[in-house]
Amino acid sequence: MKLSKEKRDQLILTGIGTLVVALAIWYLWISPRYTAIKNYTGQIGRQQDTLKDMADTISKAAAAADQLHDATNALVQAESDLASGDPNAWIYDPIRHFKARYKVDITVGNQAAVEDVDLITGFPYKQLRFGMSGTGYYHDLGRFIADFENEFPHARIVNLRIEPPSDATEKLNFRMDIITLVKQNEPQS
């Protein structure tokens, strides 16, 4: 089929015009919308990731609350044998009950002093220091000291001085200081 030069030129111009119009539609109308859809898809993905992170955080919050509750209960349990209230009154009751099991004669000495903990600076508790003296046989005294430190994990015996007996009873004379942690009074709210 032979087309005249005029028809062929019109056909070429129509093809070029159609191509220009198609490119114009693509760049002016379809491409911006395609880019906007791509951006929205990216935003949706980021929002879904954020939502997933929030859901994970919420699910971990319950576990963290349980851990906090367990830690609080453990702290309350650990603080149950700390000195509290009037320090001088607190000393006599545990010592009186504890020494009843041993053949050691004990006298609680000087006034108790509540002070900052001298072993660790910035420690959140105070310490109670008091002196104790008495007499006892070597084995009874050793058992008393070992059991005391095992039964009262928040107390320590320091400055233990053992002296030979002054009479023929073979009982040793001893002096020691006991340091125990003091539970601070809760702030009133």
Protein backbone atom coordinates (compact mmCIF):
# COMPACT_ATOMS: atom_id res chain seq x y z
CA MET A 1 0.00 0.00 0.00
CA LYS A 2 1.29 3.24 -1.07
CA LEU A 3 0.30 6.35 0.78
CA SER A 4 0.62 9.74 -0.60
CA LYS A 5 3.29 11.98 0.84
CA GLU A 6 0.69 14.15 2.44
CA LYS A 7 -1.11 11.20 4.11
CA ARG A 8 2.20 9.71 5.23
CA ASP A 9 3.26 13.02 6.82
CA GLN A 10 -0.10 13.31 8.53
CA LEU A 11 0.25 9.73 9.81
CA ILE A 12 3.77 10.46 11.13
CA LEU A 13 2.62 13.70 12.76
CA THR A 14 -0.37 11.91 14.30
CA GLY A 15 1.97 9.21 15.69
CA ILE A 16 4.39 11.82 17.04
CA GLY A 17 1.49 13.82 18.52
CA THR A 18 0.04 10.70 20.13
CA LEU A 19 3.45 9.86 21.57
CA VAL A 20 3.89 13.44 22.90
CA VAL A 21 0.39 13.39 24.43
CA ALA A 22 1.06 9.95 25.98
CA LEU A 23 4.40 11.17 27.42
CA ALA A 24 2.76 14.34 28.72
CA ILE A 25 0.01 12.30 30.38
CA TRP A 26 2.67 10.01 31.88
CA TYR A 27 4.89 12.79 33.26
CA LEU A 28 2.16 15.23 34.27
CA TRP A 29 -0.51 12.92 35.60
CA ILE A 30 0.50 9.26 36.08
CA SER A 31 4.11 9.69 37.33
CA PRO A 32 3.22 12.08 40.22
CA ARG A 33 0.43 9.77 41.30
CA TYR A 34 2.71 6.75 41.04
CA THR A 35 5.31 8.57 43.18
CA ALA A 36 2.63 9.57 45.70
CA ILE A 37 1.41 5.95 45.91
CA LYS A 38 5.01 4.80 46.44
CA ASN A 39 5.47 7.38 49.22
CA TYR A 40 2.21 6.37 50.88
CA THR A 41 3.23 2.73 50.70
CA GLY A 42 6.55 3.59 52.39
CA GLN A 43 4.75 5.62 55.07
CA ILE A 44 2.32 2.77 55.67
CA GLY A 45 5.26 0.37 56.06
CA ARG A 46 6.99 2.68 58.54
CA GLN A 47 3.75 3.16 60.48
CA GLN A 48 3.23 -0.62 60.58
CA ASP A 49 6.79 -1.03 61.93
CA THR A 50 6.10 1.64 64.56
CA LEU A 51 2.84 -0.07 65.48
CA LYS A 52 4.64 -3.41 65.79
CA ASP A 53 7.29 -1.82 68.03
CA MET A 54 4.55 -0.30 70.20
CA ALA A 55 2.78 -3.66 70.46
CA ASP A 56 6.08 -5.30 71.46
CA THR A 57 6.67 -2.62 74.08
CA ILE A 58 3.17 -3.07 75.47
CA SER A 59 3.61 -6.84 75.64
CA LYS A 60 6.97 -6.37 77.41
CA ALA A 61 5.44 -3.87 79.85
CA ALA A 62 3.42 -6.61 81.53
CA ALA A 63 6.54 -8.73 81.92
CA ALA A 64 8.47 -5.72 83.27
CA ALA A 65 5.66 -5.01 85.75
CA ASP A 66 5.83 -8.64 86.92
CA GLN A 67 9.61 -8.38 87.30
CA LEU A 68 9.22 -5.14 89.25
CA HIS A 69 6.64 -6.78 91.51
CA ASP A 70 8.95 -9.77 92.11
CA ALA A 71 11.92 -7.49 92.80
CA THR A 72 9.85 -5.40 95.22
CA ASN A 73 8.74 -8.54 97.07
CA ALA A 74 12.34 -9.79 97.21
CA LEU A 75 13.46 -6.42 98.62
CA VAL A 76 10.71 -6.44 101.25
CA GLN A 77 11.70 -10.00 102.20
CA ALA A 78 15.39 -9.04 102.38
CA GLU A 79 14.60 -5.98 104.50
CA SER A 80 12.50 -7.99 106.97
CA ASP A 81 15.43 -8.55 109.37
CA LEU A 82 16.86 -5.03 109.15
CA ALA A 83 16.82 -2.88 112.25
CA SER A 84 13.88 -0.50 112.34
CA GLY A 85 12.19 1.86 114.74
CA ASP A 86 14.09 2.68 117.95
CA PRO A 87 17.58 1.22 117.43
CA ASN A 88 18.29 0.69 121.14
CA ALA A 89 15.03 -1.22 121.61
CA TRP A 90 15.59 -3.23 118.43
CA ILE A 91 18.99 -4.52 119.59
CA TYR A 92 17.79 -6.30 122.70
CA ASP A 93 14.96 -8.38 121.24
CA PRO A 94 16.87 -10.25 118.47
CA ILE A 95 19.99 -10.65 120.61
CA ARG A 96 17.98 -11.95 123.58
CA HIS A 97 16.19 -14.52 121.40
CA PHE A 98 19.36 -15.51 119.59
CA LYS A 99 21.66 -15.95 122.61
CA ALA A 100 19.17 -18.24 124.39
CA ARG A 101 20.34 -21.15 122.21
CA TYR A 102 24.01 -20.83 123.22
CA LYS A 103 26.07 -21.27 126.38
CA VAL A 104 27.52 -17.79 126.06
CA ASP A 105 26.96 -14.99 128.57
CA ILE A 106 26.41 -11.72 126.72
CA THR A 107 26.03 -8.13 127.79
CA VAL A 108 25.07 -5.49 125.25
CA GLY A 109 27.30 -2.53 125.90
CA ASN A 110 27.28 1.08 124.86
CA GLN A 111 24.44 3.02 123.31
CA ALA A 112 23.78 2.17 119.71
CA ALA A 113 24.80 4.75 117.15
CA VAL A 114 23.02 5.15 113.82
CA GLU A 115 25.43 6.48 111.20
CA ASP A 116 26.19 6.45 107.49
CA VAL A 117 27.48 3.17 106.11
CA ASP A 118 31.27 3.34 106.20
CA LEU A 119 31.92 0.33 103.95
CA ILE A 120 30.26 1.68 100.79
CA THR A 121 29.86 5.40 100.14
CA GLY A 122 26.45 6.55 98.92
CA PHE A 123 24.74 3.38 100.20
CA PRO A 124 20.97 3.98 100.57
CA TYR A 125 20.78 2.59 104.12
CA LYS A 126 22.19 3.68 107.45
CA GLN A 127 24.09 1.40 109.81
CA LEU A 128 23.61 0.69 113.48
CA ARG A 129 26.78 0.06 115.50
CA PHE A 130 26.72 -1.32 119.03
CA GLY A 131 29.14 -3.12 121.31
CA MET A 132 28.72 -6.47 122.99
CA SER A 133 30.85 -8.29 125.55
CA GLY A 134 30.66 -11.53 127.43
CA THR A 135 32.21 -14.84 128.35
CA GLY A 136 32.05 -18.31 126.88
CA TYR A 137 33.99 -21.41 126.10
CA TYR A 138 36.01 -21.39 122.89
CA HIS A 139 33.75 -23.77 120.93
CA ASP A 140 30.53 -22.17 122.17
CA LEU A 141 31.83 -18.73 121.23
CA GLY A 142 32.89 -19.94 117.76
CA ARG A 143 29.49 -21.54 117.12
CA PHE A 144 27.71 -18.40 118.37
CA ILE A 145 29.68 -16.13 116.01
CA ALA A 146 29.26 -18.43 112.99
CA ASP A 147 25.52 -18.87 113.54
CA PHE A 148 25.03 -15.16 114.23
CA GLU A 149 26.60 -14.16 110.91
CA ASN A 150 24.57 -16.82 109.07
CA GLU A 151 21.25 -15.91 110.68
CA PHE A 152 21.67 -12.16 110.32
CA PRO A 153 22.98 -11.62 106.75
CA HIS A 154 22.71 -7.84 107.06
CA ALA A 155 24.89 -7.73 110.18
CA ARG A 156 28.61 -8.20 110.61
CA ILE A 157 30.85 -8.65 113.58
CA VAL A 158 33.86 -6.34 113.71
CA ASN A 159 36.63 -5.60 116.21
CA LEU A 160 36.42 -9.02 117.88
CA ARG A 161 38.80 -9.13 120.84
CA ILE A 162 39.26 -12.36 122.78
CA GLU A 163 41.11 -12.32 126.08
CA PRO A 164 42.25 -15.19 128.28
CA PRO A 165 40.10 -16.01 131.31
CA SER A 166 40.77 -14.05 134.46
CA ASP A 167 39.88 -16.99 136.69
CA ALA A 168 40.11 -20.77 136.57
CA THR A 169 36.81 -21.29 134.67
CA GLU A 170 38.49 -21.51 131.24
CA LYS A 171 35.81 -19.23 129.82
CA LEU A 172 37.18 -16.67 127.40
CA ASN A 173 36.31 -13.00 127.74
CA PHE A 174 35.35 -11.32 124.48
CA ARG A 175 34.31 -7.96 123.15
CA MET A 176 32.97 -7.20 119.71
CA ASP A 177 31.14 -4.57 117.78
CA ILE A 178 28.14 -5.46 115.66
CA ILE A 179 27.16 -3.42 112.65
CA THR A 180 23.75 -3.98 111.07
CA LEU A 181 21.81 -2.13 108.41
CA VAL A 182 18.92 0.09 109.45
CA LYS A 183 15.71 0.32 107.47
CA GLN A 184 14.96 3.95 106.81
CA ASN A 185 11.53 5.24 107.70
CA GLU A 186 9.31 5.53 104.66
CA PRO A 187 8.54 9.13 103.67
CA GLN A 188 5.01 10.15 104.52
CA SER A 189 2.93 11.10 101.50
